Protein backbone atom coordinates (compact mmCIF):
# COMPACT_ATOMS: atom_id res chain seq x y z
CA PRO A 1 67.88 145.06 54.41
CA MET A 2 68.45 144.09 58.13
CA GLU A 3 67.96 140.41 57.32
CA ALA A 4 70.61 140.63 54.62
CA ILE A 5 73.06 142.32 56.94
CA LYS A 6 72.42 139.57 59.53
CA GLU A 7 73.08 136.86 56.90
CA TYR A 8 76.28 138.51 55.80
CA GLY A 9 77.35 138.83 59.40
CA ILE A 10 76.75 135.14 59.96
CA SER A 11 78.72 134.28 56.82
CA LEU A 12 81.60 136.44 57.99
CA GLY A 13 81.51 134.65 61.35
CA TRP A 14 81.78 131.28 59.62
CA VAL A 15 84.64 132.52 57.44
CA VAL A 16 86.64 133.86 60.38
CA CYS A 17 86.26 130.64 62.37
CA PHE A 18 87.22 128.50 59.41
CA LEU A 19 90.26 130.67 58.65
CA VAL A 20 91.32 130.23 62.30
CA LEU A 21 91.06 126.46 61.91
CA ALA A 22 93.05 126.58 58.66
CA ILE A 23 95.82 128.48 60.45
CA VAL A 24 95.72 125.89 63.21
CA ALA A 25 95.93 123.12 60.64
CA ARG A 26 98.92 124.75 58.98
CA TYR A 27 100.65 125.31 62.36
CA LEU A 28 100.12 121.72 63.39
CA PHE A 29 101.41 120.40 59.98
CA ASP A 30 104.45 122.61 60.36
CA TRP A 31 104.94 121.27 63.87
CA ILE A 32 104.74 117.55 62.93
CA THR A 33 107.19 117.90 60.02
CA PRO A 34 110.91 118.55 60.69
CA PHE A 35 111.23 120.93 57.74
CA SER A 36 110.08 124.54 57.85
CA LEU A 37 107.02 125.49 55.81
CA ARG A 38 108.49 129.03 55.60
CA ASP A 39 111.64 127.57 53.99
CA ALA A 40 109.51 125.35 51.69
CA SER A 41 107.64 128.45 50.56
CA ALA A 42 110.84 130.42 50.05
CA LYS A 43 112.13 127.60 47.83
CA LYS A 44 108.73 127.57 45.97
CA ASN A 45 108.39 123.83 46.87
CA ALA A 46 105.32 122.80 44.94
CA ALA A 47 105.24 119.34 46.56
CA VAL A 48 104.69 120.86 50.03
CA GLY A 49 102.17 123.31 48.52
CA ARG A 50 100.14 120.36 47.14
CA VAL A 51 100.10 118.66 50.51
CA LEU A 52 98.92 121.88 52.18
CA ARG A 53 96.26 122.35 49.52
CA GLY A 54 95.04 118.81 50.22
CA LEU A 55 94.91 119.62 53.92
CA TYR A 56 92.96 122.79 53.27
CA LEU A 57 90.54 121.08 50.86
CA GLY A 58 90.08 118.24 53.36
CA LEU A 59 89.29 120.78 56.06
CA ALA A 60 86.84 122.55 53.72
CA ILE A 61 85.08 119.25 53.10
CA ILE A 62 84.78 118.51 56.79
CA LEU A 63 83.64 122.01 57.69
CA ALA A 64 81.11 122.28 54.88
CA ALA A 65 79.59 118.97 55.98
CA ALA A 66 79.53 120.12 59.64
CA MET A 67 77.98 123.44 58.67
CA TYR A 68 75.24 121.90 56.55
CA SER A 69 74.40 119.13 59.04
CA THR A 70 74.29 121.13 62.26
CA HIS A 71 73.97 124.84 61.41
CA ASN A 72 75.86 125.29 64.68
CA ILE A 73 79.21 127.03 64.54
CA LEU A 74 80.55 125.47 67.74
CA THR A 75 79.81 122.00 66.47
CA ALA A 76 81.39 122.83 63.12
CA ILE A 77 84.50 124.12 64.88
CA ARG A 78 84.68 120.92 67.07
CA ASP A 79 84.22 118.77 63.97
CA GLY A 80 86.84 120.74 62.09
CA ALA A 81 89.34 120.42 65.00
CA VAL A 82 88.69 116.70 65.28
CA GLY A 83 89.07 116.43 61.50
CA ILE A 84 92.40 118.21 61.54
CA VAL A 85 93.73 115.93 64.25
CA LEU A 86 92.51 112.79 62.52
CA MET A 87 93.94 113.85 59.14
CA LEU A 88 97.34 114.65 60.62
CA LEU A 89 97.37 111.47 62.63
CA MET A 90 96.55 109.41 59.60
CA PHE A 91 99.29 111.28 57.67
CA LYS A 92 101.82 110.25 60.34
CA ILE A 93 100.57 106.63 60.31
CA TYR A 94 100.76 106.55 56.49
CA ASP A 95 104.29 107.96 56.75
CA LEU A 96 105.24 105.17 59.20
CA ILE A 97 103.96 102.38 56.99
CA ASP A 98 105.29 103.77 53.70
CA ARG A 99 108.98 103.06 52.98
CA ARG A 100 109.69 106.50 51.65
CA ASP A 101 111.00 109.23 53.99
CA PHE A 102 108.11 111.73 53.58
CA ASN A 103 109.92 114.54 55.34
CA GLN A 104 113.05 114.30 53.16
CA GLU A 105 111.07 113.59 49.96
CA LEU A 106 108.83 116.62 50.49
CA ALA A 107 111.75 118.82 51.55
CA ASP A 108 113.43 117.81 48.29
CA GLY A 109 110.31 118.77 46.28
CA ASN A 110 109.01 115.29 45.26
CA ALA A 111 105.92 116.44 43.28
CA MET A 112 104.59 112.93 42.91
CA LEU A 113 104.52 112.42 46.74
CA GLY A 114 103.00 115.90 47.15
CA ILE A 115 100.16 114.98 44.77
CA GLU A 116 99.68 111.60 46.47
CA LEU A 117 99.44 113.18 49.93
CA GLU A 118 97.12 115.88 48.63
CA GLY A 119 94.82 113.08 47.45
CA LEU A 120 95.23 111.23 50.80
CA PHE A 121 94.01 114.32 52.75
CA ILE A 122 90.98 114.69 50.49
CA LEU A 123 90.22 110.95 50.84
CA LEU A 124 90.61 111.07 54.60
CA SER A 125 88.28 114.07 54.93
CA ALA A 126 85.59 112.24 52.95
CA VAL A 127 85.93 109.15 55.19
CA ILE A 128 85.89 111.40 58.30
CA VAL A 129 82.63 113.13 57.11
CA GLY A 130 81.12 109.72 56.34
CA ALA A 131 82.04 108.45 59.79
CA MET A 132 80.71 111.56 61.54
CA ASN A 133 77.47 111.31 59.57
CA TYR A 134 77.19 107.58 60.29
CA SER A 135 77.68 108.05 64.00
CA GLY A 136 75.37 111.12 64.08
CA GLY A 137 78.17 113.52 65.00
């Protein structure tokens, strides 16, 4: 029984740390976009919701890989934080090279762009995990 309680406690610790990283990711995404996520939510903007889902799925992929490879919560948090920064940086670079105005298109609810960016975040997270594993991170 004590071992089970310990395992549940460890699981809860991982969940809390990952939720904090998800909140940080959402805050940073809100900060780098000129539109308000709160307003997008109030308008039930599915395009922005898809992008956030992609960001969260990407973060989950990075954190799961970090958790399985290191079994160290501090390393997983570090890898998650680096992953968030890299994904958002690549989002901004992709925004710069694409002719569409991502901010306006997302604010207007462009579902196609939301789906595309959702996929971009998932793709980026897989590449980030691959790079971290290749470099031994």
